[in-house]
């Protein structure tokens, strides 16, 4: 099976899963909740060599085991991959060295792994969510790699995976995608904050007037920076700390997420020229650990 066929099969299966699990296809997909909704027993624990494990009903499942040491983006992708095994009625599978960044498209993946991997992309990045995000970020016209990076932040996906899915959706030409894939996410993060020194492994989330009534899913160390003229933070919830990085424009408003931040909280930003403040909800989205009954919603 080639990747084109795998994506065709997976795209249909992902759309059916969205429907059956009541997933809003226009926004960030809560994949950990989806595992529960699909009646999969979920558990996450540190595993040195494994990304995840799917246990089929034939082997006393269905159940999913995730690596608790993964960052949230990689764990979300792994969770969607294991859900794909379940939705596609695959056999039990232990996913260890199937790194998309290293082995994508080289023909060495088994068919069931190809379709589960493609399912993860279509499940986490459905077309309506991609289009809605691009409309907020760049009026639907992605013209820089930063636009793709910011879309990945909205969807909780990797930069490279988002580039590929935009190609699948025919929203980005292959030549441009190849050029942008050569740019590291670290370089894009630094670009978005004007070369500021960022916390290690931090992501950058840009807040604009188009962010009104949206959710920002962030973890410890992530920076939220306001990119609007004459904007100011009205209030800063507990666990978010005002941040000024070296090289950041003096007038820019930004906060960093600390480990004290739990659950979710509202953030309001006053923007010159707007009658009402920009309101958004910041949601702490950290890697899951333990059994699914204690995972945050």
Protein backbone atom coordinates (compact mmCIF):
# COMPACT_ATOMS: atom_id res chain seq x y z
CA UNK A 1 0.00 0.00 0.00
CA UNK A 2 1.35 3.42 -0.89
CA UNK A 3 0.85 6.55 1.19
CA UNK A 4 -1.78 7.98 -1.16
CA UNK A 5 -4.03 4.98 -0.59
CA UNK A 6 -3.27 5.02 3.15
CA UNK A 7 -4.38 8.65 3.38
CA UNK A 8 -7.53 7.98 1.40
CA UNK A 9 -8.53 5.17 3.77
CA UNK A 10 -7.50 7.12 6.86
CA UNK A 11 -9.29 10.31 5.84
CA UNK A 12 -12.61 8.48 5.60
CA UNK A 13 -12.02 6.68 8.90
CA UNK A 14 -11.07 9.92 10.69
CA UNK A 15 -14.20 11.71 9.46
CA UNK A 16 -16.33 8.81 10.70
CA UNK A 17 -14.56 8.91 14.07
CA UNK A 18 -15.18 12.66 14.38
CA UNK A 19 -18.87 12.03 13.74
CA UNK A 20 -19.20 9.06 16.08
CA UNK A 21 -17.26 10.73 18.91
CA UNK A 22 -18.94 14.13 18.57
CA UNK A 23 -15.72 15.95 17.69
CA UNK A 24 -15.97 19.57 16.58
CA UNK A 25 -14.07 19.52 13.28
CA UNK A 26 -13.51 23.29 13.26
CA UNK A 27 -11.13 23.49 16.21
CA UNK A 28 -8.45 21.81 18.32
CA UNK A 29 -9.22 18.10 18.64
CA UNK A 30 -9.18 16.76 22.25
CA UNK A 31 -7.59 13.41 21.42
CA UNK A 32 -7.25 12.18 25.01
CA UNK A 33 -10.97 12.71 25.51
CA UNK A 34 -11.55 10.89 22.22
CA UNK A 35 -9.81 7.80 23.59
CA UNK A 36 -12.30 7.74 26.46
CA UNK A 37 -15.19 8.38 24.11
CA UNK A 38 -14.15 5.39 22.02
CA UNK A 39 -14.27 3.20 25.17
CA UNK A 40 -10.54 2.59 25.14
CA UNK A 41 -8.84 2.00 28.48
CA UNK A 42 -6.08 4.59 28.61
CA UNK A 43 -2.86 4.59 30.59
CA UNK A 44 0.35 6.60 30.36
CA UNK A 45 3.65 5.75 32.01
CA UNK A 46 7.34 6.35 31.27
CA UNK A 47 8.61 3.97 28.59
CA UNK A 48 12.22 4.33 27.42
CA UNK A 49 11.78 2.92 23.91
CA UNK A 50 8.09 3.02 23.08
CA UNK A 51 5.86 5.80 21.78
CA UNK A 52 2.68 3.86 22.46
CA UNK A 53 0.95 0.50 22.48
CA UNK A 54 -2.45 -0.53 21.16
CA UNK A 55 -4.11 -3.64 22.62
CA UNK A 56 -6.91 -4.96 20.43
CA UNK A 57 -10.16 -6.56 21.69
CA UNK A 58 -8.73 -9.94 20.63
CA UNK A 59 -6.00 -9.45 23.26
CA UNK A 60 -8.37 -8.42 26.07
CA UNK A 61 -8.50 -4.78 24.99
CA UNK A 62 -9.29 -2.34 23.66
CA UNK A 63 -6.65 -0.33 25.49
CA UNK A 64 -3.93 2.20 24.80
CA UNK A 65 -0.64 2.71 26.62
CA UNK A 66 1.13 6.02 26.03
CA UNK A 67 4.64 7.13 26.92
CA UNK A 68 4.30 9.72 29.71
CA UNK A 69 7.78 11.09 28.92
CA UNK A 70 6.75 12.42 25.53
CA UNK A 71 6.05 16.13 25.11
CA UNK A 72 2.41 17.01 24.67
CA UNK A 73 2.59 17.38 20.88
CA UNK A 74 4.23 13.99 20.39
CA UNK A 75 1.94 12.33 22.91
CA UNK A 76 -1.15 13.76 21.20
CA UNK A 77 0.07 12.41 17.87
CA UNK A 78 0.82 9.02 19.42
CA UNK A 79 -2.63 8.91 21.02
CA UNK A 80 -4.24 9.65 17.65
CA UNK A 81 -2.08 6.98 16.00
CA UNK A 82 -3.18 4.36 18.55
CA UNK A 83 -6.80 5.48 18.17
CA UNK A 84 -6.33 4.94 14.45
CA UNK A 85 -5.34 1.33 15.06
CA UNK A 86 -8.59 0.89 16.99
CA UNK A 87 -10.87 2.67 14.52
CA UNK A 88 -9.36 0.73 11.63
CA UNK A 89 -9.75 -2.56 13.54
CA UNK A 90 -6.07 -3.41 13.49
CA UNK A 91 -4.22 -6.02 15.45
CA UNK A 92 -2.36 -5.14 18.65
CA UNK A 93 0.67 -2.99 17.93
CA UNK A 94 3.70 -1.64 19.79
CA UNK A 95 4.96 1.53 18.14
CA UNK A 96 8.62 2.03 18.89
CA UNK A 97 10.89 3.34 16.14
CA UNK A 98 8.28 4.57 13.68
CA UNK A 99 9.43 8.17 13.77
CA UNK A 100 7.63 10.18 11.05
CA UNK A 101 10.47 12.71 10.94
CA UNK A 102 13.00 9.99 10.11
CA UNK A 103 11.09 7.41 8.06
CA UNK A 104 8.14 9.11 6.42
CA UNK A 105 7.56 7.87 2.91
CA UNK A 106 10.57 5.55 2.61
CA UNK A 107 8.38 2.49 2.04
CA UNK A 108 9.46 0.63 5.16
CA UNK A 109 6.25 1.03 7.17
CA UNK A 110 3.78 -1.90 7.34
CA UNK A 111 0.36 -1.15 5.85
CA UNK A 112 -1.39 -1.00 9.24
CA UNK A 113 1.20 1.49 10.49
CA UNK A 114 0.80 3.64 7.39
CA UNK A 115 -2.96 3.89 7.78
CA UNK A 116 -2.74 4.52 11.55
CA UNK A 117 -0.17 7.25 10.94
CA UNK A 118 -2.29 8.84 8.23
CA UNK A 119 -5.32 8.58 10.52
CA UNK A 120 -3.48 10.62 13.16
CA UNK A 121 -2.96 13.45 10.67
CA UNK A 122 -6.57 13.53 9.48
CA UNK A 123 -7.97 13.13 12.99
CA UNK A 124 -5.91 15.96 14.52
CA UNK A 125 -5.96 18.22 11.46
CA UNK A 126 -9.35 17.98 9.74
CA UNK A 127 -9.84 20.36 6.84
CA UNK A 128 -12.38 22.66 8.62
CA UNK A 129 -10.02 23.20 11.56
CA UNK A 130 -7.07 23.91 9.27
CA UNK A 131 -9.08 26.41 7.22
CA UNK A 132 -10.46 28.15 10.31
CA UNK A 133 -6.99 28.45 11.82
CA UNK A 134 -5.46 29.81 8.63
CA UNK A 135 -8.25 32.37 8.35
CA UNK A 136 -7.41 33.72 11.82
CA UNK A 137 -3.66 33.62 11.28
CA UNK A 138 -3.23 34.90 7.74
CA UNK A 139 -6.66 35.48 6.19
CA UNK A 140 -6.43 32.02 4.66
CA UNK A 141 -3.27 32.76 2.68
CA UNK A 142 -0.19 31.10 4.23
CA UNK A 143 2.80 33.02 2.89
CA UNK A 144 5.49 32.22 5.45
CA UNK A 145 6.65 29.25 7.53
CA UNK A 146 5.63 31.19 10.64
CA UNK A 147 2.02 30.87 9.51
CA UNK A 148 2.37 27.09 9.48
CA UNK A 149 4.05 27.10 12.88
CA UNK A 150 1.20 29.16 14.35
CA UNK A 151 -1.35 26.83 12.78
CA UNK A 152 0.44 23.93 14.46
CA UNK A 153 0.10 25.73 17.79
CA UNK A 154 -3.65 26.15 17.25
CA UNK A 155 -4.05 22.47 16.42
CA UNK A 156 -1.58 21.03 18.93
CA UNK A 157 0.47 19.36 16.21
CA UNK A 158 4.07 19.33 15.03
CA UNK A 159 5.38 21.85 12.53
CA UNK A 160 6.55 19.13 10.13
CA UNK A 161 3.31 17.17 10.42
CA UNK A 162 1.28 20.31 9.79
CA UNK A 163 3.29 21.05 6.65
CA UNK A 164 2.54 17.56 5.35
CA UNK A 165 -1.15 17.79 6.10
CA UNK A 166 -1.40 21.14 4.33
CA UNK A 167 0.05 19.39 1.28
CA UNK A 168 -2.50 16.58 1.67
CA UNK A 169 -5.23 19.21 1.75
CA UNK A 170 -3.72 20.95 -1.30
CA UNK A 171 -3.28 24.15 0.66
CA UNK A 172 0.48 24.27 0.11
CA UNK A 173 2.57 23.46 -2.93
CA UNK A 174 5.10 20.65 -2.58
CA UNK A 175 8.10 22.82 -3.51
CA UNK A 176 7.25 25.45 -0.94
CA UNK A 177 6.58 22.81 1.71
CA UNK A 178 10.01 21.28 1.06
CA UNK A 179 11.66 24.68 1.41
CA UNK A 180 9.85 25.48 4.63
CA UNK A 181 10.57 22.03 6.06
CA UNK A 182 14.26 22.97 6.09
CA UNK A 183 13.57 25.74 8.61
CA UNK A 184 13.70 24.60 12.22
CA UNK A 185 10.80 25.29 14.61
CA UNK A 186 13.36 26.88 16.96
CA UNK A 187 14.21 29.46 14.31
CA UNK A 188 10.52 30.21 13.79
CA UNK A 189 9.91 30.60 17.52
CA UNK A 190 12.79 33.05 17.75
CA UNK A 191 11.49 34.93 14.74
CA UNK A 192 8.07 35.36 16.34
CA UNK A 193 9.54 36.96 19.47
CA UNK A 194 12.10 39.13 17.71
CA UNK A 195 15.09 36.99 18.61
CA UNK A 196 14.24 36.88 22.31
CA UNK A 197 15.78 34.23 24.55
CA UNK A 198 13.07 31.63 25.11
CA UNK A 199 12.73 28.97 27.80
CA UNK A 200 14.04 25.59 26.65
CA UNK A 201 11.52 23.70 24.47
CA UNK A 202 9.00 26.54 24.76
CA UNK A 203 6.35 27.12 22.14
CA UNK A 204 5.19 30.57 21.10
CA UNK A 205 1.49 31.43 20.79
CA UNK A 206 0.59 34.71 19.12
CA UNK A 207 -2.47 36.61 20.32
CA UNK A 208 -4.21 39.01 17.94
CA UNK A 209 -7.68 40.51 17.63
CA UNK A 210 -8.61 37.37 15.68
CA UNK A 211 -7.95 35.33 18.84
CA UNK A 212 -11.15 36.63 20.41
CA UNK A 213 -13.15 33.83 22.08
CA UNK A 214 -10.55 31.22 21.09
CA UNK A 215 -8.66 28.76 23.29
CA UNK A 216 -4.88 28.65 23.58
CA UNK A 217 -3.56 25.24 24.59
CA UNK A 218 -0.19 25.72 26.27
CA UNK A 219 2.20 23.99 28.64
CA UNK A 220 4.86 25.14 31.09
CA UNK A 221 7.43 27.43 29.49
CA UNK A 222 5.21 28.41 26.58
CA UNK A 223 5.04 32.11 25.79
CA UNK A 224 1.91 34.00 24.73
CA UNK A 225 2.81 37.22 22.94
CA UNK A 226 0.34 39.91 21.87
CA UNK A 227 0.94 41.19 18.36
CA UNK A 228 -1.34 44.22 18.13
CA UNK A 229 -0.45 47.91 18.21
CA UNK A 230 -1.05 49.61 21.55
CA UNK A 231 -2.28 46.45 23.24
CA UNK A 232 -2.14 45.79 26.96
CA UNK A 233 -3.01 42.91 29.24
CA UNK A 234 -5.98 43.79 31.43
CA UNK A 235 -5.28 41.04 33.96
CA UNK A 236 -2.90 38.11 34.27
CA UNK A 237 -4.32 34.90 35.82
CA UNK A 238 -2.39 33.06 38.51
CA UNK A 239 0.27 30.85 36.98
CA UNK A 240 0.89 33.17 34.03
CA UNK A 241 3.78 35.58 34.54
CA UNK A 242 4.58 38.65 32.51
CA UNK A 243 7.56 37.93 30.31
CA UNK A 244 10.13 40.23 28.76
CA UNK A 245 12.76 38.49 26.68
CA UNK A 246 15.99 39.96 25.43
CA UNK A 247 15.37 41.43 22.00
CA UNK A 248 11.60 41.62 22.42
CA UNK A 249 10.05 44.96 21.47
CA UNK A 250 9.72 47.05 24.66
CA UNK A 251 6.04 47.77 24.05
CA UNK A 252 5.11 44.12 23.39
CA UNK A 253 2.96 42.35 25.97
CA UNK A 254 3.72 38.72 26.74
CA UNK A 255 3.25 36.10 29.44
CA UNK A 256 4.92 32.79 30.14
CA UNK A 257 3.13 29.71 31.52
CA UNK A 258 4.52 28.47 34.84
CA UNK A 259 3.99 25.19 36.66
CA UNK A 260 1.53 26.95 38.99
CA UNK A 261 -0.94 27.27 36.15
CA UNK A 262 -3.51 24.47 36.18
CA UNK A 263 -6.74 23.86 34.33
CA UNK A 264 -7.85 26.91 32.40
CA UNK A 265 -8.28 30.65 32.92
CA UNK A 266 -9.48 33.66 30.99
CA UNK A 267 -7.12 36.26 29.61
CA UNK A 268 -8.23 39.70 28.42
CA UNK A 269 -6.28 42.06 26.20
CA UNK A 270 -7.14 45.67 25.50
CA UNK A 271 -6.44 46.61 21.89
CA UNK A 272 -6.52 50.14 20.56
CA UNK A 273 -9.44 50.71 18.22
CA UNK A 274 -11.59 47.89 19.60
CA UNK A 275 -14.60 48.70 21.77
CA UNK A 276 -14.34 45.42 23.68
CA UNK A 277 -11.26 43.59 24.96
CA UNK A 278 -9.99 40.48 23.21
CA UNK A 279 -11.04 37.55 25.39
CA UNK A 280 -9.45 34.13 25.19
CA UNK A 281 -9.12 31.06 27.36
CA UNK A 282 -5.71 29.63 28.18
CA UNK A 283 -5.82 25.87 28.77
CA UNK A 284 -2.98 23.94 30.38
CA UNK A 285 -2.29 20.95 28.16
CA UNK A 286 0.45 18.77 29.63
CA UNK A 287 1.40 15.17 28.79
CA UNK A 288 -0.92 12.67 30.46
CA UNK A 289 0.32 10.26 33.12
CA UNK A 290 -1.36 7.46 35.07
CA UNK A 291 -4.78 6.09 34.17
CA UNK A 292 -7.32 7.95 32.04
CA UNK A 293 -9.71 8.47 34.97
CA UNK A 294 -7.31 11.10 36.36
CA UNK A 295 -6.44 12.77 33.04
CA UNK A 296 -7.70 16.34 32.71
CA UNK A 297 -10.59 16.90 30.33
